[in-house]
Amino acid sequence: MRIFIDTVGNGQFWARLEDSKIYHLRSRQPLLDAARQALEDGHDPSEIIEMWQEGASTWALRSTIGQAAKLTVVESGRPGTPRFQKWRAFTLDRK
C-alpha cells in the first residue's frame, strides 16, 4: 500500500492512500495515521505501507501497517528533534 503526501504548511500534510478506497487525511504524521485507518478498514497488519512525496522516484518512509499503527511522533526536549513513541488513543473523561 502506498500513501502520497503533499505539504499543507505548518507541519501538516494531506495524505492520499493508493487503495481501492481513497482516503484524504490531514495530519502531522500521515504514515502513522494512514496505517491506523488501514487497520480499521481491515487491512492485514503485516502488509507493507510506504509514504511517497508526489513525483518522487522512491519512498520516504516504509513500515508494516501493524508497526506503524502502534506509533506516534512527539517532539523531544530539543526543538526540531522528533522521536517515535507508543501511540495511545485519545479518550475524553466524561464523568
N, C-alpha and C. Protein backbone atom coordinates (compact mmCIF):
# COMPACT_ATOMS: atom_id res chain seq x y z
N MET A 1 0.85 -1.16 0.00
CA MET A 1 0.00 0.00 0.00
C MET A 1 0.90 1.23 0.00
N ARG A 2 0.51 2.21 -0.78
CA ARG A 2 1.25 3.48 -0.82
C ARG A 2 0.34 4.62 -0.42
N ILE A 3 0.93 5.59 0.29
CA ILE A 3 0.24 6.86 0.51
C ILE A 3 1.10 7.94 -0.11
N PHE A 4 0.44 8.93 -0.68
CA PHE A 4 1.12 10.05 -1.31
C PHE A 4 0.81 11.30 -0.51
N ILE A 5 1.85 12.09 -0.20
CA ILE A 5 1.65 13.27 0.65
C ILE A 5 1.99 14.55 -0.10
N ASP A 6 1.29 15.60 0.28
CA ASP A 6 1.54 16.96 -0.16
C ASP A 6 1.60 17.82 1.08
N THR A 7 2.53 18.76 1.14
CA THR A 7 2.64 19.67 2.28
C THR A 7 1.52 20.69 2.23
N VAL A 8 0.83 20.84 3.36
CA VAL A 8 -0.22 21.84 3.51
C VAL A 8 0.40 23.10 4.11
N GLY A 9 1.36 22.94 5.01
CA GLY A 9 2.02 24.04 5.71
C GLY A 9 1.88 23.85 7.20
N ASN A 10 2.72 24.54 7.95
CA ASN A 10 2.68 24.48 9.40
C ASN A 10 2.79 23.04 9.93
N GLY A 11 3.66 22.24 9.30
CA GLY A 11 3.87 20.87 9.75
C GLY A 11 2.71 19.93 9.44
N GLN A 12 1.81 20.31 8.57
CA GLN A 12 0.66 19.49 8.21
C GLN A 12 0.81 18.96 6.78
N PHE A 13 0.24 17.79 6.53
CA PHE A 13 0.31 17.16 5.23
C PHE A 13 -1.07 16.63 4.84
N TRP A 14 -1.36 16.64 3.55
CA TRP A 14 -2.50 15.91 3.03
C TRP A 14 -1.97 14.56 2.61
N ALA A 15 -2.65 13.51 2.97
CA ALA A 15 -2.24 12.17 2.58
C ALA A 15 -3.37 11.52 1.79
N ARG A 16 -3.01 10.94 0.66
CA ARG A 16 -3.96 10.22 -0.18
C ARG A 16 -3.49 8.78 -0.26
N LEU A 17 -4.32 7.85 0.13
CA LEU A 17 -3.94 6.45 0.09
C LEU A 17 -4.24 5.86 -1.27
N GLU A 18 -3.26 5.11 -1.78
CA GLU A 18 -3.45 4.37 -3.02
C GLU A 18 -4.08 3.03 -2.62
N ASP A 19 -5.32 2.89 -2.93
CA ASP A 19 -6.06 1.72 -2.49
C ASP A 19 -7.35 1.69 -3.29
N SER A 20 -8.11 0.63 -3.14
CA SER A 20 -9.40 0.59 -3.80
C SER A 20 -10.32 1.65 -3.20
N LYS A 21 -10.04 2.04 -1.99
CA LYS A 21 -10.78 3.09 -1.30
C LYS A 21 -9.80 4.25 -1.11
N ILE A 22 -10.20 5.44 -1.45
CA ILE A 22 -9.31 6.60 -1.35
C ILE A 22 -9.66 7.40 -0.11
N TYR A 23 -8.66 7.68 0.71
CA TYR A 23 -8.83 8.49 1.92
C TYR A 23 -8.06 9.78 1.74
N HIS A 24 -8.57 10.82 2.30
CA HIS A 24 -7.81 12.07 2.35
C HIS A 24 -7.67 12.43 3.82
N LEU A 25 -6.45 12.40 4.31
CA LEU A 25 -6.16 12.69 5.71
C LEU A 25 -5.35 13.97 5.79
N ARG A 26 -5.65 14.82 6.75
CA ARG A 26 -4.79 15.96 7.05
C ARG A 26 -4.13 15.62 8.37
N SER A 27 -2.81 15.56 8.37
CA SER A 27 -2.10 15.01 9.51
C SER A 27 -0.70 15.58 9.63
N ARG A 28 -0.16 15.55 10.86
CA ARG A 28 1.25 15.87 11.09
C ARG A 28 2.10 14.61 10.96
N GLN A 29 1.47 13.45 10.99
CA GLN A 29 2.16 12.16 10.91
C GLN A 29 1.37 11.24 9.97
N PRO A 30 1.38 11.56 8.67
CA PRO A 30 0.49 10.88 7.74
C PRO A 30 0.69 9.38 7.61
N LEU A 31 1.91 8.89 7.66
CA LEU A 31 2.12 7.44 7.54
C LEU A 31 1.47 6.71 8.71
N LEU A 32 1.65 7.23 9.90
CA LEU A 32 1.14 6.57 11.10
C LEU A 32 -0.39 6.63 11.16
N ASP A 33 -0.96 7.78 10.84
CA ASP A 33 -2.42 7.92 10.85
C ASP A 33 -3.05 7.09 9.74
N ALA A 34 -2.41 7.02 8.58
CA ALA A 34 -2.93 6.20 7.49
C ALA A 34 -2.89 4.72 7.85
N ALA A 35 -1.86 4.30 8.57
CA ALA A 35 -1.77 2.90 8.99
C ALA A 35 -2.91 2.56 9.95
N ARG A 36 -3.24 3.46 10.88
CA ARG A 36 -4.36 3.21 11.79
C ARG A 36 -5.68 3.12 11.02
N GLN A 37 -5.85 3.99 10.03
CA GLN A 37 -7.06 3.95 9.21
C GLN A 37 -7.14 2.64 8.42
N ALA A 38 -6.02 2.21 7.88
CA ALA A 38 -5.98 0.96 7.11
C ALA A 38 -6.33 -0.24 8.01
N LEU A 39 -5.81 -0.27 9.23
CA LEU A 39 -6.16 -1.35 10.17
C LEU A 39 -7.65 -1.35 10.47
N GLU A 40 -8.19 -0.16 10.70
CA GLU A 40 -9.61 0.00 10.98
C GLU A 40 -10.47 -0.56 9.84
N ASP A 41 -9.96 -0.43 8.63
CA ASP A 41 -10.68 -0.91 7.46
C ASP A 41 -10.40 -2.36 7.11
N GLY A 42 -9.66 -3.05 7.98
CA GLY A 42 -9.47 -4.49 7.81
C GLY A 42 -8.24 -4.92 7.04
N HIS A 43 -7.28 -4.03 6.80
CA HIS A 43 -6.05 -4.43 6.12
C HIS A 43 -5.21 -5.30 7.03
N ASP A 44 -4.44 -6.17 6.43
CA ASP A 44 -3.54 -7.08 7.14
C ASP A 44 -2.43 -6.27 7.81
N PRO A 45 -2.22 -6.44 9.13
CA PRO A 45 -1.15 -5.70 9.83
C PRO A 45 0.25 -5.96 9.28
N SER A 46 0.46 -7.11 8.61
CA SER A 46 1.79 -7.42 8.08
C SER A 46 2.02 -6.82 6.69
N GLU A 47 1.00 -6.20 6.11
CA GLU A 47 1.13 -5.56 4.80
C GLU A 47 2.06 -4.36 4.90
N ILE A 48 2.88 -4.15 3.89
CA ILE A 48 3.81 -3.01 3.84
C ILE A 48 3.05 -1.75 3.44
N ILE A 49 3.34 -0.66 4.13
CA ILE A 49 2.80 0.66 3.78
C ILE A 49 4.00 1.58 3.53
N GLU A 50 3.94 2.32 2.43
CA GLU A 50 5.01 3.24 2.06
C GLU A 50 4.45 4.65 1.91
N MET A 51 5.23 5.62 2.34
CA MET A 51 4.85 7.03 2.17
C MET A 51 5.72 7.63 1.07
N TRP A 52 5.07 8.25 0.10
CA TRP A 52 5.73 8.85 -1.05
C TRP A 52 5.39 10.32 -1.14
N GLN A 53 6.36 11.15 -1.49
CA GLN A 53 6.10 12.54 -1.90
C GLN A 53 5.61 12.47 -3.33
N GLU A 54 4.62 13.29 -3.69
CA GLU A 54 4.15 13.32 -5.08
C GLU A 54 5.33 13.57 -6.02
N GLY A 55 5.46 12.77 -7.05
CA GLY A 55 6.50 12.93 -8.05
C GLY A 55 7.85 12.34 -7.69
N ALA A 56 8.00 11.76 -6.49
CA ALA A 56 9.29 11.19 -6.07
C ALA A 56 9.54 9.85 -6.77
N SER A 57 10.82 9.46 -6.86
CA SER A 57 11.17 8.20 -7.50
C SER A 57 11.39 7.07 -6.50
N THR A 58 11.29 7.38 -5.21
CA THR A 58 11.42 6.34 -4.17
C THR A 58 10.62 6.77 -2.95
N TRP A 59 10.32 5.82 -2.09
CA TRP A 59 9.53 6.10 -0.89
C TRP A 59 10.34 6.90 0.13
N ALA A 60 9.62 7.64 0.99
CA ALA A 60 10.25 8.44 2.05
C ALA A 60 10.31 7.68 3.37
N LEU A 61 9.24 6.97 3.68
CA LEU A 61 9.17 6.13 4.89
C LEU A 61 8.47 4.84 4.52
N ARG A 62 8.80 3.76 5.25
CA ARG A 62 8.22 2.46 4.95
C ARG A 62 8.12 1.65 6.24
N SER A 63 7.04 0.89 6.38
CA SER A 63 6.84 0.06 7.56
C SER A 63 5.76 -0.96 7.25
N THR A 64 5.51 -1.85 8.21
CA THR A 64 4.30 -2.65 8.11
C THR A 64 3.16 -1.81 8.68
N ILE A 65 1.95 -2.09 8.24
CA ILE A 65 0.80 -1.35 8.75
C ILE A 65 0.69 -1.51 10.26
N GLY A 66 0.86 -2.74 10.75
CA GLY A 66 0.73 -3.00 12.19
C GLY A 66 1.73 -2.24 13.04
N GLN A 67 2.99 -2.20 12.61
CA GLN A 67 4.02 -1.49 13.39
C GLN A 67 3.80 0.02 13.33
N ALA A 68 3.49 0.55 12.17
CA ALA A 68 3.27 2.00 12.03
C ALA A 68 2.07 2.45 12.85
N ALA A 69 1.03 1.61 12.90
CA ALA A 69 -0.18 1.97 13.64
C ALA A 69 0.06 2.08 15.14
N LYS A 70 1.11 1.47 15.64
CA LYS A 70 1.41 1.47 17.08
C LYS A 70 2.19 2.71 17.53
N LEU A 71 2.59 3.57 16.56
CA LEU A 71 3.49 4.68 16.89
C LEU A 71 2.84 6.05 16.70
N THR A 72 3.42 7.03 17.38
CA THR A 72 3.10 8.44 17.18
C THR A 72 4.43 9.19 17.20
N VAL A 73 4.42 10.44 16.78
CA VAL A 73 5.63 11.26 16.78
C VAL A 73 5.46 12.35 17.83
N VAL A 74 6.47 12.51 18.68
CA VAL A 74 6.46 13.57 19.68
C VAL A 74 7.76 14.36 19.57
N GLU A 75 7.69 15.62 19.95
CA GLU A 75 8.90 16.44 19.99
C GLU A 75 9.70 16.05 21.23
N SER A 76 11.00 15.93 21.07
CA SER A 76 11.85 15.63 22.22
C SER A 76 12.16 16.94 22.93
N GLY A 77 13.06 16.91 23.88
CA GLY A 77 13.43 18.10 24.63
C GLY A 77 14.06 19.18 23.79
N ARG A 78 14.67 18.79 22.66
CA ARG A 78 15.31 19.77 21.77
C ARG A 78 14.39 20.07 20.59
N PRO A 79 14.12 21.32 20.32
CA PRO A 79 13.25 21.68 19.18
C PRO A 79 13.77 21.09 17.88
N GLY A 80 12.85 20.61 17.06
CA GLY A 80 13.22 20.07 15.75
C GLY A 80 13.77 18.67 15.79
N THR A 81 13.69 17.99 16.93
CA THR A 81 14.19 16.63 17.02
C THR A 81 13.06 15.69 17.47
N PRO A 82 12.18 15.33 16.55
CA PRO A 82 11.07 14.44 16.90
C PRO A 82 11.55 13.02 17.15
N ARG A 83 10.73 12.26 17.85
CA ARG A 83 11.03 10.84 18.10
C ARG A 83 9.72 10.07 18.09
N PHE A 84 9.84 8.77 17.86
CA PHE A 84 8.68 7.90 17.89
C PHE A 84 8.36 7.51 19.33
N GLN A 85 7.08 7.33 19.60
CA GLN A 85 6.61 6.92 20.91
C GLN A 85 5.39 6.02 20.69
N LYS A 86 5.08 5.19 21.67
CA LYS A 86 3.92 4.32 21.57
C LYS A 86 2.65 5.19 21.49
N TRP A 87 1.76 4.88 20.55
CA TRP A 87 0.52 5.62 20.34
C TRP A 87 -0.55 5.14 21.30
N ARG A 88 -1.31 6.08 21.83
CA ARG A 88 -2.48 5.77 22.67
C ARG A 88 -3.65 6.56 22.13
N ALA A 89 -4.79 5.91 22.01
CA ALA A 89 -5.98 6.57 21.51
C ALA A 89 -6.39 7.67 22.48
N PHE A 90 -6.85 8.78 21.94
CA PHE A 90 -7.34 9.89 22.75
C PHE A 90 -8.73 9.55 23.25
N THR A 91 -8.94 9.70 24.55
CA THR A 91 -10.27 9.46 25.11
C THR A 91 -10.67 10.66 25.96
N LEU A 92 -11.96 10.93 25.97
CA LEU A 92 -12.49 12.00 26.80
C LEU A 92 -12.98 11.42 28.11
N ASP A 93 -12.67 12.08 29.20
CA ASP A 93 -13.16 11.68 30.51
C ASP A 93 -14.53 12.33 30.71
N ARG A 94 -15.57 11.54 30.59
CA ARG A 94 -16.95 12.08 30.67
C ARG A 94 -17.59 11.62 31.97
N LYS A 95 -17.31 12.31 33.03
CA LYS A 95 -17.85 11.95 34.35
C LYS A 95 -19.13 12.69 34.59
